[in-house]
Amino acid sequence: MPNYSEVTVYSRKNCPQCNATKIYMRKHGVAFTEVDITYKPIVSAALIEQGFKEVPIVEWFINGTAGSWSGFESESIENLAHLIKGDQ
């Protein structure tokens, strides 16, 4: 049975950490949906309410398990890639 995965990256324009996260995810085969919050104050406010203080914010859902982090986290991206592939 294939894994069901959904990954969302919340980013802003001209954000080096956001760009690094997206590049690293592509390199590791992690498919994602990007939401640019630059001009979306309601989305931005909701993320701040959840306790996030920096972008990018990565939220994921894989086969009933969910998680998130903020900032560029290469190890978290690698772990996510393994989880999606079913290696962990």
PDB file of N, CA and C in Angstrom:
ATOM      1  N   MET A   1       0.846  -1.190   0.000  1.00  0.00           N
ATOM      2  CA  MET A   1       0.000   0.000   0.000  1.00  0.00           C
ATOM      3  C   MET A   1       0.885   1.244   0.000  1.00  0.00           C
ATOM      4  N   PRO A   2       0.715   2.138  -0.979  1.00  0.00           N
ATOM      5  CA  PRO A   2       1.574   3.327  -1.038  1.00  0.00           C
ATOM      6  C   PRO A   2       1.280   4.281   0.115  1.00  0.00           C
ATOM      7  N   ASN A   3       2.304   5.027   0.478  1.00  0.00           N
ATOM      8  CA  ASN A   3       2.157   6.037   1.522  1.00  0.00           C
ATOM      9  C   ASN A   3       1.354   7.216   1.003  1.00  0.00           C
ATOM     10  N   TYR A   4       0.484   7.750   1.868  1.00  0.00           N
ATOM     11  CA  TYR A   4      -0.187   9.002   1.558  1.00  0.00           C
ATOM     12  C   TYR A   4       0.592  10.100   2.251  1.00  0.00           C
ATOM     13  N   SER A   5       1.029  11.091   1.500  1.00  0.00           N
ATOM     14  CA  SER A   5       1.775  12.188   2.119  1.00  0.00           C
ATOM     15  C   SER A   5       1.326  13.525   1.556  1.00  0.00           C
ATOM     16  N   GLU A   6       1.305  14.492   2.446  1.00  0.00           N
ATOM     17  CA  GLU A   6       0.976  15.858   2.080  1.00  0.00           C
ATOM     18  C   GLU A   6       1.958  16.763   2.824  1.00  0.00           C
ATOM     19  N   VAL A   7       2.683  17.571   2.083  1.00  0.00           N
ATOM     20  CA  VAL A   7       3.691  18.460   2.670  1.00  0.00           C
ATOM     21  C   VAL A   7       3.418  19.876   2.159  1.00  0.00           C
ATOM     22  N   THR A   8       3.370  20.831   3.086  1.00  0.00           N
ATOM     23  CA  THR A   8       3.162  22.228   2.729  1.00  0.00           C
ATOM     24  C   THR A   8       4.317  23.060   3.262  1.00  0.00           C
ATOM     25  N   VAL A   9       4.852  23.926   2.407  1.00  0.00           N
ATOM     26  CA  VAL A   9       5.914  24.847   2.808  1.00  0.00           C
ATOM     27  C   VAL A   9       5.347  26.265   2.724  1.00  0.00           C
ATOM     28  N   TYR A  10       5.283  26.930   3.875  1.00  0.00           N
ATOM     29  CA  TYR A  10       4.872  28.328   3.931  1.00  0.00           C
ATOM     30  C   TYR A  10       6.134  29.173   3.829  1.00  0.00           C
ATOM     31  N   SER A  11       6.163  30.077   2.869  1.00  0.00           N
ATOM     32  CA  SER A  11       7.374  30.855   2.610  1.00  0.00           C
ATOM     33  C   SER A  11       7.039  32.314   2.344  1.00  0.00           C
ATOM     34  N   ARG A  12       8.087  33.105   2.237  1.00  0.00           N
ATOM     35  CA  ARG A  12       7.963  34.524   1.868  1.00  0.00           C
ATOM     36  C   ARG A  12       8.919  34.805   0.712  1.00  0.00           C
ATOM     37  N   LYS A  13       8.624  35.855  -0.031  1.00  0.00           N
ATOM     38  CA  LYS A  13       9.519  36.271  -1.118  1.00  0.00           C
ATOM     39  C   LYS A  13      10.869  36.692  -0.534  1.00  0.00           C
ATOM     40  N   ASN A  14      11.915  36.470  -1.301  1.00  0.00           N
ATOM     41  CA  ASN A  14      13.279  36.876  -0.944  1.00  0.00           C
ATOM     42  C   ASN A  14      13.745  36.302   0.384  1.00  0.00           C
ATOM     43  N   CYS A  15      13.356  35.064   0.693  1.00  0.00           N
ATOM     44  CA  CYS A  15      13.736  34.395   1.936  1.00  0.00           C
ATOM     45  C   CYS A  15      14.768  33.316   1.617  1.00  0.00           C
ATOM     46  N   PRO A  16      16.044  33.542   1.973  1.00  0.00           N
ATOM     47  CA  PRO A  16      17.085  32.557   1.663  1.00  0.00           C
ATOM     48  C   PRO A  16      16.828  31.189   2.287  1.00  0.00           C
ATOM     49  N   GLN A  17      16.335  31.155   3.519  1.00  0.00           N
ATOM     50  CA  GLN A  17      16.063  29.859   4.164  1.00  0.00           C
ATOM     51  C   GLN A  17      14.907  29.137   3.475  1.00  0.00           C
ATOM     52  N   CYS A  18      13.932  29.894   3.003  1.00  0.00           N
ATOM     53  CA  CYS A  18      12.811  29.300   2.264  1.00  0.00           C
ATOM     54  C   CYS A  18      13.321  28.655   0.978  1.00  0.00           C
ATOM     55  N   ASN A  19      14.143  29.396   0.248  1.00  0.00           N
ATOM     56  CA  ASN A  19      14.694  28.862  -1.000  1.00  0.00           C
ATOM     57  C   ASN A  19      15.546  27.632  -0.743  1.00  0.00           C
ATOM     58  N   ALA A  20      16.373  27.663   0.289  1.00  0.00           N
ATOM     59  CA  ALA A  20      17.222  26.518   0.623  1.00  0.00           C
ATOM     60  C   ALA A  20      16.365  25.298   0.970  1.00  0.00           C
ATOM     61  N   THR A  21      15.291  25.519   1.709  1.00  0.00           N
ATOM     62  CA  THR A  21      14.396  24.412   2.085  1.00  0.00           C
ATOM     63  C   THR A  21      13.773  23.783   0.841  1.00  0.00           C
ATOM     64  N   LYS A  22      13.273  24.603  -0.065  1.00  0.00           N
ATOM     65  CA  LYS A  22      12.628  24.075  -1.270  1.00  0.00           C
ATOM     66  C   LYS A  22      13.634  23.318  -2.147  1.00  0.00           C
ATOM     67  N   ILE A  23      14.824  23.848  -2.293  1.00  0.00           N
ATOM     68  CA  ILE A  23      15.865  23.181  -3.085  1.00  0.00           C
ATOM     69  C   ILE A  23      16.231  21.837  -2.457  1.00  0.00           C
ATOM     70  N   TYR A  24      16.420  21.824  -1.138  1.00  0.00           N
ATOM     71  CA  TYR A  24      16.812  20.598  -0.438  1.00  0.00           C
ATOM     72  C   TYR A  24      15.698  19.559  -0.506  1.00  0.00           C
ATOM     73  N   MET A  25      14.457  19.999  -0.413  1.00  0.00           N
ATOM     74  CA  MET A  25      13.336  19.057  -0.512  1.00  0.00           C
ATOM     75  C   MET A  25      13.289  18.434  -1.902  1.00  0.00           C
ATOM     76  N   ARG A  26      13.454  19.250  -2.928  1.00  0.00           N
ATOM     77  CA  ARG A  26      13.455  18.714  -4.299  1.00  0.00           C
ATOM     78  C   ARG A  26      14.604  17.718  -4.471  1.00  0.00           C
ATOM     79  N   LYS A  27      15.759  18.062  -3.941  1.00  0.00           N
ATOM     80  CA  LYS A  27      16.934  17.188  -4.038  1.00  0.00           C
ATOM     81  C   LYS A  27      16.661  15.819  -3.423  1.00  0.00           C
ATOM     82  N   HIS A  28      15.859  15.791  -2.358  1.00  0.00           N
ATOM     83  CA  HIS A  28      15.566  14.542  -1.656  1.00  0.00           C
ATOM     84  C   HIS A  28      14.235  13.923  -2.067  1.00  0.00           C
ATOM     85  N   GLY A  29      13.634  14.450  -3.133  1.00  0.00           N
ATOM     86  CA  GLY A  29      12.425  13.862  -3.680  1.00  0.00           C
ATOM     87  C   GLY A  29      11.171  14.079  -2.856  1.00  0.00           C
ATOM     88  N   VAL A  30      11.154  15.136  -2.055  1.00  0.00           N
ATOM     89  CA  VAL A  30       9.970  15.441  -1.241  1.00  0.00           C
ATOM     90  C   VAL A  30       9.073  16.393  -2.024  1.00  0.00           C
ATOM     91  N   ALA A  31       7.920  15.894  -2.452  1.00  0.00           N
ATOM     92  CA  ALA A  31       6.956  16.734  -3.154  1.00  0.00           C
ATOM     93  C   ALA A  31       6.236  17.607  -2.132  1.00  0.00           C
ATOM     94  N   PHE A  32       5.979  18.851  -2.497  1.00  0.00           N
ATOM     95  CA  PHE A  32       5.337  19.763  -1.560  1.00  0.00           C
ATOM     96  C   PHE A  32       4.505  20.792  -2.307  1.00  0.00           C
ATOM     97  N   THR A  33       3.595  21.404  -1.547  1.00  0.00           N
ATOM     98  CA  THR A  33       2.821  22.533  -2.028  1.00  0.00           C
ATOM     99  C   THR A  33       3.375  23.766  -1.340  1.00  0.00           C
ATOM    100  N   GLU A  34       3.644  24.802  -2.106  1.00  0.00           N
ATOM    101  CA  GLU A  34       4.160  26.039  -1.517  1.00  0.00           C
ATOM    102  C   GLU A  34       3.038  27.050  -1.348  1.00  0.00           C
ATOM    103  N   VAL A  35       3.025  27.703  -0.192  1.00  0.00           N
ATOM    104  CA  VAL A  35       2.090  28.790   0.072  1.00  0.00           C
ATOM    105  C   VAL A  35       2.923  30.015   0.414  1.00  0.00           C
ATOM    106  N   ASP A  36       2.947  30.980  -0.495  1.00  0.00           N
ATOM    107  CA  ASP A  36       3.686  32.223  -0.264  1.00  0.00           C
ATOM    108  C   ASP A  36       2.810  33.131   0.593  1.00  0.00           C
ATOM    109  N   ILE A  37       3.250  33.397   1.818  1.00  0.00           N
ATOM    110  CA  ILE A  37       2.437  34.193   2.750  1.00  0.00           C
ATOM    111  C   ILE A  37       2.795  35.676   2.718  1.00  0.00           C
ATOM    112  N   THR A  38       3.622  36.087   1.761  1.00  0.00           N
ATOM    113  CA  THR A  38       4.053  37.485   1.666  1.00  0.00           C
ATOM    114  C   THR A  38       2.862  38.441   1.681  1.00  0.00           C
ATOM    115  N   TYR A  39       1.850  38.130   0.905  1.00  0.00           N
ATOM    116  CA  TYR A  39       0.684  39.017   0.808  1.00  0.00           C
ATOM    117  C   TYR A  39      -0.581  38.350   1.357  1.00  0.00           C
ATOM    118  N   LYS A  40      -0.405  37.473   2.334  1.00  0.00           N
ATOM    119  CA  LYS A  40      -1.540  36.774   2.946  1.00  0.00           C
ATOM    120  C   LYS A  40      -1.504  36.980   4.464  1.00  0.00           C
ATOM    121  N   PRO A  41      -1.895  38.171   4.926  1.00  0.00           N
ATOM    122  CA  PRO A  41      -1.796  38.467   6.360  1.00  0.00           C
ATOM    123  C   PRO A  41      -2.636  37.554   7.244  1.00  0.00           C
ATOM    124  N   ILE A  42      -3.742  37.040   6.740  1.00  0.00           N
ATOM    125  CA  ILE A  42      -4.573  36.145   7.551  1.00  0.00           C
ATOM    126  C   ILE A  42      -3.845  34.821   7.787  1.00  0.00           C
ATOM    127  N   VAL A  43      -3.225  34.288   6.745  1.00  0.00           N
ATOM    128  CA  VAL A  43      -2.463  33.040   6.884  1.00  0.00           C
ATOM    129  C   VAL A  43      -1.270  33.274   7.799  1.00  0.00           C
ATOM    130  N   SER A  44      -0.570  34.377   7.588  1.00  0.00           N
ATOM    131  CA  SER A  44       0.579  34.729   8.416  1.00  0.00           C
ATOM    132  C   SER A  44       0.174  34.833   9.890  1.00  0.00           C
ATOM    133  N   ALA A  45      -0.930  35.508  10.171  1.00  0.00           N
ATOM    134  CA  ALA A  45      -1.409  35.669  11.545  1.00  0.00           C
ATOM    135  C   ALA A  45      -1.773  34.319  12.162  1.00  0.00           C
ATOM    136  N   ALA A  46      -2.381  33.444  11.384  1.00  0.00           N
ATOM    137  CA  ALA A  46      -2.742  32.115  11.889  1.00  0.00           C
ATOM    138  C   ALA A  46      -1.500  31.309  12.260  1.00  0.00           C
ATOM    139  N   LEU A  47      -0.455  31.405  11.456  1.00  0.00           N
ATOM    140  CA  LEU A  47       0.789  30.681  11.753  1.00  0.00           C
ATOM    141  C   LEU A  47       1.464  31.245  13.004  1.00  0.00           C
ATOM    142  N   ILE A  48       1.420  32.562  13.162  1.00  0.00           N
ATOM    143  CA  ILE A  48       1.976  33.193  14.365  1.00  0.00           C
ATOM    144  C   ILE A  48       1.196  32.737  15.593  1.00  0.00           C
ATOM    145  N   GLU A  49      -0.126  32.646  15.470  1.00  0.00           N
ATOM    146  CA  GLU A  49      -0.965  32.162  16.572  1.00  0.00           C
ATOM    147  C   GLU A  49      -0.606  30.743  16.977  1.00  0.00           C
ATOM    148  N   GLN A  50      -0.159  29.945  16.016  1.00  0.00           N
ATOM    149  CA  GLN A  50       0.248  28.573  16.295  1.00  0.00           C
ATOM    150  C   GLN A  50       1.631  28.512  16.944  1.00  0.00           C
ATOM    151  N   GLY A  51       2.304  29.668  17.051  1.00  0.00           N
ATOM    152  CA  GLY A  51       3.594  29.713  17.725  1.00  0.00           C
ATOM    153  C   GLY A  51       4.801  29.797  16.817  1.00  0.00           C
ATOM    154  N   PHE A  52       4.579  29.833  15.518  1.00  0.00           N
ATOM    155  CA  PHE A  52       5.712  29.934  14.594  1.00  0.00           C
ATOM    156  C   PHE A  52       6.232  31.360  14.566  1.00  0.00           C
ATOM    157  N   LYS A  53       7.570  31.482  14.520  1.00  0.00           N
ATOM    158  CA  LYS A  53       8.182  32.813  14.549  1.00  0.00           C
ATOM    159  C   LYS A  53       9.052  33.100  13.343  1.00  0.00           C
ATOM    160  N   GLU A  54       9.293  32.094  12.506  1.00  0.00           N
ATOM    161  CA  GLU A  54      10.132  32.300  11.331  1.00  0.00           C
ATOM    162  C   GLU A  54       9.654  31.421  10.185  1.00  0.00           C
ATOM    163  N   VAL A  55       9.997  31.819   8.981  1.00  0.00           N
ATOM    164  CA  VAL A  55       9.729  31.020   7.790  1.00  0.00           C
ATOM    165  C   VAL A  55      11.049  30.442   7.306  1.00  0.00           C
ATOM    166  N   PRO A  56      11.019  29.386   6.575  1.00  0.00           N
ATOM    167  CA  PRO A  56       9.843  28.666   6.139  1.00  0.00           C
ATOM    168  C   PRO A  56       9.221  27.865   7.289  1.00  0.00           C
ATOM    169  N   ILE A  57       7.966  27.566   7.109  1.00  0.00           N
ATOM    170  CA  ILE A  57       7.260  26.659   8.016  1.00  0.00           C
ATOM    171  C   ILE A  57       6.872  25.455   7.172  1.00  0.00           C
ATOM    172  N   VAL A  58       7.244  24.286   7.646  1.00  0.00           N
ATOM    173  CA  VAL A  58       6.930  23.048   6.941  1.00  0.00           C
ATOM    174  C   VAL A  58       5.933  22.273   7.794  1.00  0.00           C
ATOM    175  N   GLU A  59       4.798  21.967   7.197  1.00  0.00           N
ATOM    176  CA  GLU A  59       3.803  21.118   7.855  1.00  0.00           C
ATOM    177  C   GLU A  59       3.634  19.871   7.000  1.00  0.00           C
ATOM    178  N   TRP A  60       3.576  18.709   7.660  1.00  0.00           N
ATOM    179  CA  TRP A  60       3.438  17.470   6.901  1.00  0.00           C
ATOM    180  C   TRP A  60       2.426  16.541   7.551  1.00  0.00           C
ATOM    181  N   PHE A  61       1.836  15.704   6.708  1.00  0.00           N
ATOM    182  CA  PHE A  61       0.877  14.692   7.120  1.00  0.00           C
ATOM    183  C   PHE A  61       1.186  13.443   6.304  1.00  0.00           C
ATOM    184  N   ILE A  62       1.542  12.357   6.989  1.00  0.00           N
ATOM    185  CA  ILE A  62       1.892  11.118   6.296  1.00  0.00           C
ATOM    186  C   ILE A  62       1.182   9.964   7.000  1.00  0.00           C
ATOM    187  N   ASN A  63       0.273   9.330   6.285  1.00  0.00           N
ATOM    188  CA  ASN A  63      -0.444   8.161   6.795  1.00  0.00           C
ATOM    189  C   ASN A  63      -0.952   8.331   8.225  1.00  0.00           C
ATOM    190  N   GLY A  64      -1.598   9.443   8.493  1.00  0.00           N
ATOM    191  CA  GLY A  64      -2.200   9.655   9.802  1.00  0.00           C
ATOM    192  C   GLY A  64      -1.306  10.293  10.841  1.00  0.00           C
ATOM    193  N   THR A  65      -0.043  10.521  10.517  1.00  0.00           N
ATOM    194  CA  THR A  65       0.893  11.172  11.428  1.00  0.00           C
ATOM    195  C   THR A  65       1.203  12.562  10.880  1.00  0.00           C
ATOM    196  N   ALA A  66       1.243  13.550  11.779  1.00  0.00           N
ATOM    197  CA  ALA A  66       1.491  14.924  11.341  1.00  0.00           C
ATOM    198  C   ALA A  66       2.639  15.531  12.138  1.00  0.00           C
ATOM    199  N   GLY A  67       3.260  16.544  11.552  1.00  0.00           N
ATOM    200  CA  GLY A  67       4.328  17.253  12.237  1.00  0.00           C
ATOM    201  C   GLY A  67       4.614  18.568  11.538  1.00  0.00           C
ATOM    202  N   SER A  68       5.477  19.345  12.150  1.00  0.00           N
ATOM    203  CA  SER A  68       5.847  20.629  11.561  1.00  0.00           C
ATOM    204  C   SER A  68       7.153  21.119  12.162  1.00  0.00           C
ATOM    205  N   TRP A  69       7.766  22.067  11.471  1.00  0.00           N
ATOM    206  CA  TRP A  69       8.935  22.774  11.992  1.00  0.00           C
ATOM    207  C   TRP A  69       9.059  24.087  11.245  1.00  0.00           C
ATOM    208  N   SER A  70       9.911  24.957  11.749  1.00  0.00           N
ATOM    209  CA  SER A  70      10.166  26.213  11.046  1.00  0.00           C
ATOM    210  C   SER A  70      11.671  26.391  10.902  1.00  0.00           C
ATOM    211  N   GLY A  71      12.049  27.165   9.886  1.00  0.00           N
ATOM    212  CA  GLY A  71      13.462  27.376   9.592  1.00  0.00           C
ATOM    213  C   GLY A  71      13.981  26.301   8.652  1.00  0.00           C
ATOM    214  N   PHE A  72      15.222  26.462   8.205  1.00  0.00           N
ATOM    215  CA  PHE A  72      15.845  25.460   7.342  1.00  0.00           C
ATOM    216  C   PHE A  72      16.379  24.342   8.225  1.00  0.00           C
ATOM    217  N   GLU A  73      15.857  23.142   8.046  1.00  0.00           N
ATOM    218  CA  GLU A  73      16.217  21.980   8.863  1.00  0.00           C
ATOM    219  C   GLU A  73      16.584  20.819   7.945  1.00  0.00           C
ATOM    220  N   SER A  74      17.844  20.748   7.539  1.00  0.00           N
ATOM    221  CA  SER A  74      18.248  19.707   6.586  1.00  0.00           C
ATOM    222  C   SER A  74      17.983  18.307   7.129  1.00  0.00           C
ATOM    223  N   GLU A  75      18.262  18.072   8.399  1.00  0.00           N
ATOM    224  CA  GLU A  75      18.049  16.739   8.978  1.00  0.00           C
ATOM    225  C   GLU A  75      16.560  16.381   8.995  1.00  0.00           C
ATOM    226  N   SER A  76      15.715  17.356   9.289  1.00  0.00           N
ATOM    227  CA  SER A  76      14.271  17.112   9.283  1.00  0.00           C
ATOM    228  C   SER A  76      13.775  16.782   7.877  1.00  0.00           C
ATOM    229  N   ILE A  77      14.331  17.455   6.872  1.00  0.00           N
ATOM    230  CA  ILE A  77      13.957  17.166   5.481  1.00  0.00           C
ATOM    231  C   ILE A  77      14.372  15.745   5.108  1.00  0.00           C
ATOM    232  N   GLU A  78      15.585  15.355   5.490  1.00  0.00           N
ATOM    233  CA  GLU A  78      16.059  13.996   5.207  1.00  0.00           C
ATOM    234  C   GLU A  78      15.176  12.961   5.902  1.00  0.00           C
ATOM    235  N   ASN A  79      14.826  13.204   7.157  1.00  0.00           N
ATOM    236  CA  ASN A  79      13.949  12.289   7.890  1.00  0.00           C
ATOM    237  C   ASN A  79      12.571  12.205   7.239  1.00  0.00           C
ATOM    238  N   LEU A  80      12.072  13.342   6.779  1.00  0.00           N
ATOM    239  CA  LEU A  80      10.778  13.379   6.100  1.00  0.00           C
ATOM    240  C   LEU A  80      10.823  12.560   4.816  1.00  0.00           C
ATOM    241  N   ALA A  81      11.906  12.682   4.061  1.00  0.00           N
ATOM    242  CA  ALA A  81      12.057  11.916   2.821  1.00  0.00           C
ATOM    243  C   ALA A  81      12.027  10.420   3.118  1.00  0.00           C
ATOM    244  N   HIS A  82      12.703   9.982   4.177  1.00  0.00           N
ATOM    245  CA  HIS A  82      12.705   8.562   4.556  1.00  0.00           C
ATOM    246  C   HIS A  82      11.318   8.116   4.994  1.00  0.00           C
ATOM    247  N   LEU A  83      10.624   8.958   5.733  1.00  0.00           N
ATOM    248  CA  LEU A  83       9.282   8.635   6.197  1.00  0.00           C
ATOM    249  C   LEU A  83       8.316   8.469   5.028  1.00  0.00           C
ATOM    250  N   ILE A  84       8.420   9.365   4.050  1.00  0.00           N
ATOM    251  CA  ILE A  84       7.546   9.282   2.867  1.00  0.00           C
ATOM    252  C   ILE A  84       7.829   8.007   2.078  1.00  0.00           C
ATOM    253  N   LYS A  85       9.092   7.645   1.972  1.00  0.00           N
ATOM    254  CA  LYS A  85       9.474   6.449   1.225  1.00  0.00           C
ATOM    255  C   LYS A  85       9.175   5.175   2.002  1.00  0.00           C
ATOM    256  N   GLY A  86       8.844   5.305   3.288  1.00  0.00           N
ATOM    257  CA  GLY A  86       8.570   4.137   4.114  1.00  0.00           C
ATOM    258  C   GLY A  86       9.801   3.506   4.706  1.00  0.00           C
ATOM    259  N   ASP A  87      10.927   4.237   4.722  1.00  0.00           N
ATOM    260  CA  ASP A  87      12.193   3.712   5.265  1.00  0.00           C
ATOM    261  C   ASP A  87      12.225   3.728   6.787  1.00  0.00           C
ATOM    262  N   GLN A  88      11.361   4.523   7.432  1.00  0.00           N
ATOM    263  CA  GLN A  88      11.405   4.631   8.887  1.00  0.00           C
ATOM    264  C   GLN A  88      10.125   4.139   9.486  1.00  0.00           C
TER     265      GLN A  88
END
